[in-house]
Amino acid sequence: MIYYVYMLKSKSVKPVTYVGYTNNLKKRISLHNTGKGAKFTRGRKWVLIYKEKFKSKKEAISREYYIKKNRTLRKKIRENK
């Protein structure tokens, strides 16, 4: 099964980012935008700005954790989109 690590950017005046992983990217983004995703994402509209593919869930979780904790990388991704 293929897993994705993704970063979303809110469509608000002061944008925030969210990093997650999933095996169904389209469905997951739809859930975030309809208020049924992670608690942090509720009440905002989101746009996909970054994604990576992985062959295992373990690899995806590890990469998600790395991106979440690495503020420099997160900022770089956010500013390039």
PDB file of N, CA and C in Angstrom:
ATOM      1  N   MET A   1       0.844  -1.187   0.000  1.00  0.00           N
ATOM      2  CA  MET A   1       0.000   0.000   0.000  1.00  0.00           C
ATOM      3  C   MET A   1       0.885   1.245   0.000  1.00  0.00           C
ATOM      4  N   ILE A   2       0.446   2.272  -0.686  1.00  0.00           N
ATOM      5  CA  ILE A   2       1.168   3.538  -0.766  1.00  0.00           C
ATOM      6  C   ILE A   2       0.642   4.491   0.314  1.00  0.00           C
ATOM      7  N   TYR A   3       1.571   5.174   0.976  1.00  0.00           N
ATOM      8  CA  TYR A   3       1.220   6.181   1.973  1.00  0.00           C
ATOM      9  C   TYR A   3       1.797   7.518   1.537  1.00  0.00           C
ATOM     10  N   TYR A   4       1.123   8.571   1.943  1.00  0.00           N
ATOM     11  CA  TYR A   4       1.545   9.921   1.609  1.00  0.00           C
ATOM     12  C   TYR A   4       1.788  10.725   2.884  1.00  0.00           C
ATOM     13  N   VAL A   5       2.821  11.535   2.873  1.00  0.00           N
ATOM     14  CA  VAL A   5       3.014  12.573   3.872  1.00  0.00           C
ATOM     15  C   VAL A   5       2.693  13.859   3.140  1.00  0.00           C
ATOM     16  N   TYR A   6       1.889  14.701   3.762  1.00  0.00           N
ATOM     17  CA  TYR A   6       1.429  15.897   3.071  1.00  0.00           C
ATOM     18  C   TYR A   6       1.475  17.110   3.983  1.00  0.00           C
ATOM     19  N   MET A   7       1.518  18.278   3.362  1.00  0.00           N
ATOM     20  CA  MET A   7       1.415  19.523   4.110  1.00  0.00           C
ATOM     21  C   MET A   7       0.305  20.353   3.497  1.00  0.00           C
ATOM     22  N   LEU A   8      -0.545  20.860   4.363  1.00  0.00           N
ATOM     23  CA  LEU A   8      -1.638  21.729   3.954  1.00  0.00           C
ATOM     24  C   LEU A   8      -1.363  23.137   4.463  1.00  0.00           C
ATOM     25  N   LYS A   9      -1.870  24.109   3.722  1.00  0.00           N
ATOM     26  CA  LYS A   9      -1.762  25.513   4.130  1.00  0.00           C
ATOM     27  C   LYS A   9      -3.175  26.076   4.168  1.00  0.00           C
ATOM     28  N   SER A  10      -3.507  26.771   5.236  1.00  0.00           N
ATOM     29  CA  SER A  10      -4.855  27.333   5.355  1.00  0.00           C
ATOM     30  C   SER A  10      -5.023  28.516   4.415  1.00  0.00           C
ATOM     31  N   LYS A  11      -6.274  28.753   4.020  1.00  0.00           N
ATOM     32  CA  LYS A  11      -6.599  29.862   3.119  1.00  0.00           C
ATOM     33  C   LYS A  11      -7.019  31.095   3.909  1.00  0.00           C
ATOM     34  N   SER A  12      -6.496  31.261   5.109  1.00  0.00           N
ATOM     35  CA  SER A  12      -6.879  32.391   5.957  1.00  0.00           C
ATOM     36  C   SER A  12      -5.933  33.563   5.760  1.00  0.00           C
ATOM     37  N   VAL A  13      -6.270  34.683   6.386  1.00  0.00           N
ATOM     38  CA  VAL A  13      -5.463  35.899   6.284  1.00  0.00           C
ATOM     39  C   VAL A  13      -4.057  35.636   6.831  1.00  0.00           C
ATOM     40  N   LYS A  14      -3.980  34.956   7.960  1.00  0.00           N
ATOM     41  CA  LYS A  14      -2.686  34.568   8.532  1.00  0.00           C
ATOM     42  C   LYS A  14      -2.582  33.052   8.400  1.00  0.00           C
ATOM     43  N   PRO A  15      -2.007  32.565   7.296  1.00  0.00           N
ATOM     44  CA  PRO A  15      -1.982  31.124   7.029  1.00  0.00           C
ATOM     45  C   PRO A  15      -1.183  30.317   8.053  1.00  0.00           C
ATOM     46  N   VAL A  16      -1.693  29.125   8.339  1.00  0.00           N
ATOM     47  CA  VAL A  16      -0.991  28.153   9.174  1.00  0.00           C
ATOM     48  C   VAL A  16      -0.832  26.877   8.356  1.00  0.00           C
ATOM     49  N   THR A  17       0.071  26.014   8.787  1.00  0.00           N
ATOM     50  CA  THR A  17       0.280  24.759   8.074  1.00  0.00           C
ATOM     51  C   THR A  17      -0.080  23.574   8.950  1.00  0.00           C
ATOM     52  N   TYR A  18      -0.355  22.470   8.289  1.00  0.00           N
ATOM     53  CA  TYR A  18      -0.667  21.211   8.961  1.00  0.00           C
ATOM     54  C   TYR A  18       0.043  20.088   8.201  1.00  0.00           C
ATOM     55  N   VAL A  19       0.686  19.189   8.939  1.00  0.00           N
ATOM     56  CA  VAL A  19       1.379  18.050   8.337  1.00  0.00           C
ATOM     57  C   VAL A  19       0.711  16.773   8.821  1.00  0.00           C
ATOM     58  N   GLY A  20       0.489  15.836   7.892  1.00  0.00           N
ATOM     59  CA  GLY A  20      -0.120  14.567   8.248  1.00  0.00           C
ATOM     60  C   GLY A  20       0.297  13.471   7.285  1.00  0.00           C
ATOM     61  N   TYR A  21      -0.220  12.265   7.527  1.00  0.00           N
ATOM     62  CA  TYR A  21       0.020  11.151   6.608  1.00  0.00           C
ATOM     63  C   TYR A  21      -1.291  10.417   6.381  1.00  0.00           C
ATOM     64  N   THR A  22      -1.381   9.752   5.231  1.00  0.00           N
ATOM     65  CA  THR A  22      -2.597   9.030   4.874  1.00  0.00           C
ATOM     66  C   THR A  22      -2.303   8.052   3.742  1.00  0.00           C
ATOM     67  N   ASN A  23      -3.242   7.146   3.497  1.00  0.00           N
ATOM     68  CA  ASN A  23      -3.126   6.267   2.331  1.00  0.00           C
ATOM     69  C   ASN A  23      -4.126   6.661   1.244  1.00  0.00           C
ATOM     70  N   ASN A  24      -4.945   7.682   1.502  1.00  0.00           N
ATOM     71  CA  ASN A  24      -5.906   8.192   0.521  1.00  0.00           C
ATOM     72  C   ASN A  24      -5.920   9.721   0.604  1.00  0.00           C
ATOM     73  N   LEU A  25      -5.071  10.338  -0.162  1.00  0.00           N
ATOM     74  CA  LEU A  25      -4.841  11.781  -0.064  1.00  0.00           C
ATOM     75  C   LEU A  25      -6.079  12.618  -0.387  1.00  0.00           C
ATOM     76  N   LYS A  26      -6.767  12.301  -1.480  1.00  0.00           N
ATOM     77  CA  LYS A  26      -7.955  13.081  -1.862  1.00  0.00           C
ATOM     78  C   LYS A  26      -9.029  13.042  -0.778  1.00  0.00           C
ATOM     79  N   LYS A  27      -9.278  11.853  -0.238  1.00  0.00           N
ATOM     80  CA  LYS A  27     -10.294  11.691   0.796  1.00  0.00           C
ATOM     81  C   LYS A  27      -9.898  12.449   2.059  1.00  0.00           C
ATOM     82  N   ARG A  28      -8.624  12.384   2.418  1.00  0.00           N
ATOM     83  CA  ARG A  28      -8.152  13.035   3.635  1.00  0.00           C
ATOM     84  C   ARG A  28      -8.270  14.553   3.540  1.00  0.00           C
ATOM     85  N   ILE A  29      -7.916  15.126   2.408  1.00  0.00           N
ATOM     86  CA  ILE A  29      -8.028  16.585   2.243  1.00  0.00           C
ATOM     87  C   ILE A  29      -9.491  16.999   2.285  1.00  0.00           C
ATOM     88  N   SER A  30     -10.345  16.192   1.676  1.00  0.00           N
ATOM     89  CA  SER A  30     -11.782  16.461   1.709  1.00  0.00           C
ATOM     90  C   SER A  30     -12.301  16.457   3.146  1.00  0.00           C
ATOM     91  N   LEU A  31     -11.839  15.503   3.944  1.00  0.00           N
ATOM     92  CA  LEU A  31     -12.251  15.442   5.355  1.00  0.00           C
ATOM     93  C   LEU A  31     -11.800  16.692   6.107  1.00  0.00           C
ATOM     94  N   HIS A  32     -10.574  17.125   5.870  1.00  0.00           N
ATOM     95  CA  HIS A  32     -10.081  18.338   6.525  1.00  0.00           C
ATOM     96  C   HIS A  32     -10.940  19.542   6.153  1.00  0.00           C
ATOM     97  N   ASN A  33     -11.298  19.654   4.884  1.00  0.00           N
ATOM     98  CA  ASN A  33     -12.062  20.816   4.417  1.00  0.00           C
ATOM     99  C   ASN A  33     -13.531  20.784   4.804  1.00  0.00           C
ATOM    100  N   THR A  34     -14.045  19.629   5.212  1.00  0.00           N
ATOM    101  CA  THR A  34     -15.446  19.546   5.649  1.00  0.00           C
ATOM    102  C   THR A  34     -15.577  19.494   7.166  1.00  0.00           C
ATOM    103  N   GLY A  35     -14.472  19.696   7.882  1.00  0.00           N
ATOM    104  CA  GLY A  35     -14.520  19.745   9.343  1.00  0.00           C
ATOM    105  C   GLY A  35     -14.504  18.392  10.019  1.00  0.00           C
ATOM    106  N   LYS A  36     -14.177  17.340   9.283  1.00  0.00           N
ATOM    107  CA  LYS A  36     -14.159  16.009   9.858  1.00  0.00           C
ATOM    108  C   LYS A  36     -12.738  15.436   9.981  1.00  0.00           C
ATOM    109  N   GLY A  37     -11.748  16.273   9.728  1.00  0.00           N
ATOM    110  CA  GLY A  37     -10.353  15.837   9.839  1.00  0.00           C
ATOM    111  C   GLY A  37      -9.856  15.990  11.265  1.00  0.00           C
ATOM    112  N   ALA A  38      -8.570  16.198  11.419  1.00  0.00           N
ATOM    113  CA  ALA A  38      -7.969  16.406  12.733  1.00  0.00           C
ATOM    114  C   ALA A  38      -8.576  17.638  13.392  1.00  0.00           C
ATOM    115  N   LYS A  39      -8.630  17.631  14.712  1.00  0.00           N
ATOM    116  CA  LYS A  39      -9.247  18.724  15.453  1.00  0.00           C
ATOM    117  C   LYS A  39      -8.637  20.082  15.089  1.00  0.00           C
ATOM    118  N   PHE A  40      -7.330  20.142  14.923  1.00  0.00           N
ATOM    119  CA  PHE A  40      -6.634  21.382  14.584  1.00  0.00           C
ATOM    120  C   PHE A  40      -7.111  21.971  13.261  1.00  0.00           C
ATOM    121  N   THR A  41      -7.537  21.147  12.342  1.00  0.00           N
ATOM    122  CA  THR A  41      -7.890  21.621  10.999  1.00  0.00           C
ATOM    123  C   THR A  41      -9.336  22.080  10.869  1.00  0.00           C
ATOM    124  N   ARG A  42     -10.143  21.840  11.865  1.00  0.00           N
ATOM    125  CA  ARG A  42     -11.563  22.197  11.775  1.00  0.00           C
ATOM    126  C   ARG A  42     -11.766  23.705  11.731  1.00  0.00           C
ATOM    127  N   GLY A  43     -12.727  24.121  10.905  1.00  0.00           N
ATOM    128  CA  GLY A  43     -13.066  25.530  10.808  1.00  0.00           C
ATOM    129  C   GLY A  43     -12.207  26.320   9.839  1.00  0.00           C
ATOM    130  N   ARG A  44     -11.325  25.630   9.127  1.00  0.00           N
ATOM    131  CA  ARG A  44     -10.478  26.303   8.138  1.00  0.00           C
ATOM    132  C   ARG A  44     -10.616  25.593   6.805  1.00  0.00           C
ATOM    133  N   LYS A  45     -10.294  26.325   5.751  1.00  0.00           N
ATOM    134  CA  LYS A  45     -10.213  25.722   4.412  1.00  0.00           C
ATOM    135  C   LYS A  45      -8.742  25.538   4.091  1.00  0.00           C
ATOM    136  N   TRP A  46      -8.419  24.414   3.450  1.00  0.00           N
ATOM    137  CA  TRP A  46      -7.028  24.022   3.242  1.00  0.00           C
ATOM    138  C   TRP A  46      -6.707  23.788   1.779  1.00  0.00           C
ATOM    139  N   VAL A  47      -5.433  24.003   1.439  1.00  0.00           N
ATOM    140  CA  VAL A  47      -4.939  23.709   0.106  1.00  0.00           C
ATOM    141  C   VAL A  47      -3.652  22.878   0.267  1.00  0.00           C
ATOM    142  N   LEU A  48      -3.505  21.873  -0.572  1.00  0.00           N
ATOM    143  CA  LEU A  48      -2.326  21.012  -0.541  1.00  0.00           C
ATOM    144  C   LEU A  48      -1.135  21.763  -1.125  1.00  0.00           C
ATOM    145  N   ILE A  49      -0.022  21.810  -0.371  1.00  0.00           N
ATOM    146  CA  ILE A  49       1.175  22.492  -0.884  1.00  0.00           C
ATOM    147  C   ILE A  49       2.378  21.556  -1.010  1.00  0.00           C
ATOM    148  N   TYR A  50       2.267  20.327  -0.479  1.00  0.00           N
ATOM    149  CA  TYR A  50       3.415  19.418  -0.516  1.00  0.00           C
ATOM    150  C   TYR A  50       2.945  17.987  -0.274  1.00  0.00           C
ATOM    151  N   LYS A  51       3.571  17.032  -0.990  1.00  0.00           N
ATOM    152  CA  LYS A  51       3.286  15.626  -0.735  1.00  0.00           C
ATOM    153  C   LYS A  51       4.496  14.781  -1.100  1.00  0.00           C
ATOM    154  N   GLU A  52       4.636  13.658  -0.411  1.00  0.00           N
ATOM    155  CA  GLU A  52       5.684  12.667  -0.674  1.00  0.00           C
ATOM    156  C   GLU A  52       5.044  11.293  -0.602  1.00  0.00           C
ATOM    157  N   LYS A  53       5.524  10.359  -1.424  1.00  0.00           N
ATOM    158  CA  LYS A  53       5.011   8.981  -1.433  1.00  0.00           C
ATOM    159  C   LYS A  53       5.963   8.060  -0.683  1.00  0.00           C
ATOM    160  N   PHE A  54       5.385   7.076   0.033  1.00  0.00           N
ATOM    161  CA  PHE A  54       6.170   6.064   0.738  1.00  0.00           C
ATOM    162  C   PHE A  54       5.537   4.694   0.552  1.00  0.00           C
ATOM    163  N   LYS A  55       6.375   3.668   0.602  1.00  0.00           N
ATOM    164  CA  LYS A  55       5.896   2.298   0.418  1.00  0.00           C
ATOM    165  C   LYS A  55       5.394   1.671   1.711  1.00  0.00           C
ATOM    166  N   SER A  56       5.764   2.240   2.857  1.00  0.00           N
ATOM    167  CA  SER A  56       5.303   1.660   4.121  1.00  0.00           C
ATOM    168  C   SER A  56       4.774   2.745   5.061  1.00  0.00           C
ATOM    169  N   LYS A  57       3.884   2.333   5.930  1.00  0.00           N
ATOM    170  CA  LYS A  57       3.308   3.236   6.919  1.00  0.00           C
ATOM    171  C   LYS A  57       4.395   3.733   7.872  1.00  0.00           C
ATOM    172  N   LYS A  58       5.298   2.855   8.219  1.00  0.00           N
ATOM    173  CA  LYS A  58       6.382   3.195   9.144  1.00  0.00           C
ATOM    174  C   LYS A  58       7.237   4.341   8.582  1.00  0.00           C
ATOM    175  N   GLU A  59       7.592   4.257   7.299  1.00  0.00           N
ATOM    176  CA  GLU A  59       8.386   5.309   6.657  1.00  0.00           C
ATOM    177  C   GLU A  59       7.620   6.637   6.649  1.00  0.00           C
ATOM    178  N   ALA A  60       6.336   6.571   6.334  1.00  0.00           N
ATOM    179  CA  ALA A  60       5.507   7.777   6.269  1.00  0.00           C
ATOM    180  C   ALA A  60       5.391   8.440   7.640  1.00  0.00           C
ATOM    181  N   ILE A  61       5.172   7.654   8.677  1.00  0.00           N
ATOM    182  CA  ILE A  61       5.050   8.204  10.030  1.00  0.00           C
ATOM    183  C   ILE A  61       6.363   8.847  10.467  1.00  0.00           C
ATOM    184  N   SER A  62       7.457   8.203  10.133  1.00  0.00           N
ATOM    185  CA  SER A  62       8.771   8.734  10.480  1.00  0.00           C
ATOM    186  C   SER A  62       9.023  10.078   9.786  1.00  0.00           C
ATOM    187  N   ARG A  63       8.694  10.159   8.518  1.00  0.00           N
ATOM    188  CA  ARG A  63       8.893  11.399   7.752  1.00  0.00           C
ATOM    189  C   ARG A  63       7.960  12.501   8.246  1.00  0.00           C
ATOM    190  N   GLU A  64       6.715  12.135   8.556  1.00  0.00           N
ATOM    191  CA  GLU A  64       5.762  13.112   9.083  1.00  0.00           C
ATOM    192  C   GLU A  64       6.307  13.728  10.372  1.00  0.00           C
ATOM    193  N   TYR A  65       6.804  12.891  11.254  1.00  0.00           N
ATOM    194  CA  TYR A  65       7.358  13.353  12.518  1.00  0.00           C
ATOM    195  C   TYR A  65       8.533  14.299  12.273  1.00  0.00           C
ATOM    196  N   TYR A  66       9.404  13.927  11.345  1.00  0.00           N
ATOM    197  CA  TYR A  66      10.572  14.748  11.021  1.00  0.00           C
ATOM    198  C   TYR A  66      10.155  16.129  10.513  1.00  0.00           C
ATOM    199  N   ILE A  67       9.198  16.164   9.596  1.00  0.00           N
ATOM    200  CA  ILE A  67       8.745  17.444   9.039  1.00  0.00           C
ATOM    201  C   ILE A  67       8.071  18.294  10.114  1.00  0.00           C
ATOM    202  N   LYS A  68       7.256  17.663  10.963  1.00  0.00           N
ATOM    203  CA  LYS A  68       6.571  18.407  12.023  1.00  0.00           C
ATOM    204  C   LYS A  68       7.558  19.056  12.985  1.00  0.00           C
ATOM    205  N   LYS A  69       8.628  18.377  13.301  1.00  0.00           N
ATOM    206  CA  LYS A  69       9.592  18.876  14.280  1.00  0.00           C
ATOM    207  C   LYS A  69      10.634  19.819  13.691  1.00  0.00           C
ATOM    208  N   ASN A  70      10.828  19.790  12.378  1.00  0.00           N
ATOM    209  CA  ASN A  70      11.855  20.599  11.734  1.00  0.00           C
ATOM    210  C   ASN A  70      11.227  21.896  11.201  1.00  0.00           C
ATOM    211  N   ARG A  71      11.244  22.932  12.011  1.00  0.00           N
ATOM    212  CA  ARG A  71      10.617  24.212  11.654  1.00  0.00           C
ATOM    213  C   ARG A  71      11.245  24.839  10.418  1.00  0.00           C
ATOM    214  N   THR A  72      12.563  24.681  10.265  1.00  0.00           N
ATOM    215  CA  THR A  72      13.253  25.255   9.108  1.00  0.00           C
ATOM    216  C   THR A  72      12.741  24.635   7.813  1.00  0.00           C
ATOM    217  N   LEU A  73      12.621  23.318   7.790  1.00  0.00           N
ATOM    218  CA  LEU A  73      12.113  22.626   6.608  1.00  0.00           C
ATOM    219  C   LEU A  73      10.671  23.015   6.333  1.00  0.00           C
ATOM    220  N   ARG A  74       9.860  23.071   7.368  1.00  0.00           N
ATOM    221  CA  ARG A  74       8.451  23.456   7.215  1.00  0.00           C
ATOM    222  C   ARG A  74       8.317  24.841   6.601  1.00  0.00           C
ATOM    223  N   LYS A  75       9.118  25.773   7.092  1.00  0.00           N
ATOM    224  CA  LYS A  75       9.079  27.139   6.583  1.00  0.00           C
ATOM    225  C   LYS A  75       9.512  27.173   5.116  1.00  0.00           C
ATOM    226  N   LYS A  76      10.544  26.410   4.794  1.00  0.00           N
ATOM    227  CA  LYS A  76      11.052  26.352   3.418  1.00  0.00           C
ATOM    228  C   LYS A  76       9.978  25.819   2.467  1.00  0.00           C
ATOM    229  N   ILE A  77       9.297  24.742   2.858  1.00  0.00           N
ATOM    230  CA  ILE A  77       8.218  24.177   2.047  1.00  0.00           C
ATOM    231  C   ILE A  77       7.092  25.191   1.871  1.00  0.00           C
ATOM    232  N   ARG A  78       6.697  25.823   2.971  1.00  0.00           N
ATOM    233  CA  ARG A  78       5.598  26.788   2.941  1.00  0.00           C
ATOM    234  C   ARG A  78       5.897  27.966   2.030  1.00  0.00           C
ATOM    235  N   GLU A  79       7.112  28.467   2.070  1.00  0.00           N
ATOM    236  CA  GLU A  79       7.464  29.647   1.280  1.00  0.00           C
ATOM    237  C   GLU A  79       7.685  29.355  -0.195  1.00  0.00           C
ATOM    238  N   ASN A  80       7.956  28.096  -0.531  1.00  0.00           N
ATOM    239  CA  ASN A  80       8.152  27.726  -1.932  1.00  0.00           C
ATOM    240  C   ASN A  80       6.833  27.506  -2.657  1.00  0.00           C
ATOM    241  N   LYS A  81       5.725  27.479  -1.982  1.00  0.00           N
ATOM    242  CA  LYS A  81       4.426  27.227  -2.605  1.00  0.00           C
ATOM    243  C   LYS A  81       3.557  28.444  -2.587  1.00  0.00           C
TER     244      LYS A  81
END
